[in-house]
Amino acid sequence: GTPPAVVEMKTDTWLALAVGVLTWENAVSAKQINATGIGSDLTAYLPVFSPPRPLS
């Protein structure tokens, strides 16, 4: 059967989400993510990494 939560996106979308350049909300609104089922909203887990801070 179909898994209870499915999330599909392109690699560049995932990378932008992972580093915080793109938000989950904006990606879903722009139809860059196809997410269905309970638990498919990954907002609580993003960003995974923060971009490095410039040295002062």
N, C-alpha and C. Protein backbone atom coordinates (compact mmCIF):
# COMPACT_ATOMS: atom_id res chain seq x y z
N GLY A 1 0.80 -1.18 0.00
CA GLY A 1 0.00 0.00 0.00
C GLY A 1 0.85 1.26 0.00
N THR A 2 0.19 2.37 -0.01
CA THR A 2 0.85 3.67 0.00
C THR A 2 1.29 4.01 1.43
N PRO A 3 2.52 4.51 1.59
CA PRO A 3 2.95 4.93 2.93
C PRO A 3 2.07 6.05 3.47
N PRO A 4 1.99 6.20 4.81
CA PRO A 4 1.12 7.22 5.39
C PRO A 4 1.55 8.66 5.12
N ALA A 5 2.82 8.88 4.78
CA ALA A 5 3.29 10.23 4.49
C ALA A 5 4.30 10.15 3.35
N VAL A 6 4.07 10.94 2.32
CA VAL A 6 4.97 10.96 1.16
C VAL A 6 5.35 12.41 0.89
N VAL A 7 6.66 12.66 0.73
CA VAL A 7 7.16 14.00 0.42
C VAL A 7 8.07 13.87 -0.79
N GLU A 8 7.75 14.65 -1.83
CA GLU A 8 8.56 14.63 -3.05
C GLU A 8 8.97 16.05 -3.41
N MET A 9 10.24 16.20 -3.82
CA MET A 9 10.76 17.49 -4.25
C MET A 9 12.04 17.26 -5.02
N LYS A 10 12.48 18.29 -5.73
CA LYS A 10 13.76 18.21 -6.44
C LYS A 10 14.90 18.40 -5.45
N THR A 11 16.06 17.95 -5.84
CA THR A 11 17.24 18.04 -4.98
C THR A 11 17.56 19.48 -4.60
N ASP A 12 17.48 20.40 -5.55
CA ASP A 12 17.81 21.79 -5.23
C ASP A 12 16.83 22.40 -4.23
N THR A 13 15.59 21.95 -4.26
CA THR A 13 14.60 22.41 -3.27
C THR A 13 14.99 21.90 -1.89
N TRP A 14 15.35 20.62 -1.79
CA TRP A 14 15.75 20.05 -0.50
C TRP A 14 16.98 20.78 0.06
N LEU A 15 17.95 21.05 -0.79
CA LEU A 15 19.16 21.74 -0.31
C LEU A 15 18.83 23.15 0.18
N ALA A 16 17.96 23.85 -0.54
CA ALA A 16 17.56 25.20 -0.11
C ALA A 16 16.82 25.14 1.23
N LEU A 17 15.98 24.15 1.42
CA LEU A 17 15.28 23.97 2.70
C LEU A 17 16.26 23.63 3.81
N ALA A 18 17.20 22.74 3.51
CA ALA A 18 18.14 22.25 4.52
C ALA A 18 19.02 23.35 5.09
N VAL A 19 19.38 24.33 4.27
CA VAL A 19 20.24 25.42 4.76
C VAL A 19 19.45 26.68 5.13
N GLY A 20 18.14 26.65 4.99
CA GLY A 20 17.32 27.77 5.42
C GLY A 20 17.16 28.88 4.41
N VAL A 21 17.54 28.64 3.15
CA VAL A 21 17.37 29.64 2.10
C VAL A 21 15.90 29.71 1.67
N LEU A 22 15.19 28.61 1.82
CA LEU A 22 13.79 28.49 1.43
C LEU A 22 13.01 27.93 2.61
N THR A 23 11.80 28.45 2.84
CA THR A 23 10.96 27.91 3.92
C THR A 23 10.02 26.86 3.35
N TRP A 24 9.57 25.98 4.22
CA TRP A 24 8.63 24.93 3.83
C TRP A 24 7.36 25.57 3.26
N GLU A 25 6.84 26.57 3.95
CA GLU A 25 5.62 27.26 3.50
C GLU A 25 5.77 27.81 2.09
N ASN A 26 6.87 28.52 1.85
CA ASN A 26 7.10 29.11 0.52
C ASN A 26 7.26 28.04 -0.55
N ALA A 27 7.92 26.95 -0.23
CA ALA A 27 8.12 25.88 -1.19
C ALA A 27 6.80 25.19 -1.54
N VAL A 28 5.96 24.97 -0.54
CA VAL A 28 4.65 24.36 -0.79
C VAL A 28 3.79 25.31 -1.61
N SER A 29 3.79 26.60 -1.25
CA SER A 29 3.00 27.60 -1.98
C SER A 29 3.43 27.69 -3.44
N ALA A 30 4.73 27.55 -3.67
CA ALA A 30 5.27 27.63 -5.03
C ALA A 30 5.19 26.29 -5.77
N LYS A 31 4.56 25.31 -5.12
CA LYS A 31 4.40 23.97 -5.70
C LYS A 31 5.74 23.30 -6.02
N GLN A 32 6.75 23.58 -5.18
CA GLN A 32 8.05 22.93 -5.31
C GLN A 32 8.09 21.64 -4.51
N ILE A 33 7.07 21.44 -3.67
CA ILE A 33 6.97 20.24 -2.83
C ILE A 33 5.61 19.61 -3.04
N ASN A 34 5.60 18.29 -3.16
CA ASN A 34 4.37 17.52 -3.18
C ASN A 34 4.39 16.69 -1.90
N ALA A 35 3.58 17.08 -0.91
CA ALA A 35 3.56 16.41 0.39
C ALA A 35 2.14 15.99 0.72
N THR A 36 1.97 14.70 1.03
CA THR A 36 0.65 14.18 1.36
C THR A 36 0.73 13.31 2.61
N GLY A 37 -0.35 13.28 3.34
CA GLY A 37 -0.44 12.40 4.51
C GLY A 37 -0.07 13.09 5.80
N ILE A 38 -0.49 12.47 6.89
CA ILE A 38 -0.19 12.97 8.23
C ILE A 38 1.31 12.85 8.46
N GLY A 39 1.90 13.89 8.98
CA GLY A 39 3.33 13.86 9.27
C GLY A 39 4.22 14.24 8.12
N SER A 40 3.65 14.73 7.03
CA SER A 40 4.48 15.08 5.87
C SER A 40 4.99 16.51 5.92
N ASP A 41 4.55 17.31 6.89
CA ASP A 41 5.05 18.67 7.06
C ASP A 41 6.35 18.61 7.86
N LEU A 42 7.46 18.93 7.24
CA LEU A 42 8.78 18.82 7.88
C LEU A 42 9.28 20.14 8.46
N THR A 43 8.40 21.11 8.63
CA THR A 43 8.78 22.43 9.13
C THR A 43 9.58 22.34 10.43
N ALA A 44 9.20 21.48 11.34
CA ALA A 44 9.86 21.38 12.65
C ALA A 44 11.30 20.90 12.54
N TYR A 45 11.67 20.31 11.41
CA TYR A 45 13.00 19.74 11.25
C TYR A 45 13.91 20.58 10.36
N LEU A 46 13.40 21.72 9.91
CA LEU A 46 14.17 22.55 8.98
C LEU A 46 14.43 23.92 9.57
N PRO A 47 15.50 24.57 9.27
CA PRO A 47 16.60 24.08 8.46
C PRO A 47 17.44 23.05 9.22
N VAL A 48 18.11 22.20 8.47
CA VAL A 48 18.97 21.17 9.05
C VAL A 48 20.30 21.80 9.44
N PHE A 49 20.81 22.66 8.58
CA PHE A 49 22.07 23.35 8.80
C PHE A 49 21.84 24.85 8.68
N SER A 50 22.67 25.62 9.32
CA SER A 50 22.63 27.06 9.14
C SER A 50 23.79 27.47 8.26
N PRO A 51 23.59 28.44 7.37
CA PRO A 51 24.71 28.91 6.55
C PRO A 51 25.82 29.44 7.46
N PRO A 52 27.06 29.29 7.07
CA PRO A 52 28.15 29.81 7.91
C PRO A 52 28.06 31.32 8.05
N ARG A 53 28.43 31.81 9.21
CA ARG A 53 28.43 33.25 9.46
C ARG A 53 29.73 33.83 8.93
N PRO A 54 29.66 35.03 8.38
CA PRO A 54 30.90 35.67 7.91
C PRO A 54 31.82 35.97 9.10
N LEU A 55 33.10 35.84 8.89
CA LEU A 55 34.06 36.15 9.93
C LEU A 55 34.13 37.66 10.14
N SER A 56 34.19 38.08 11.38
CA SER A 56 34.24 39.51 11.66
C SER A 56 35.66 39.97 11.85
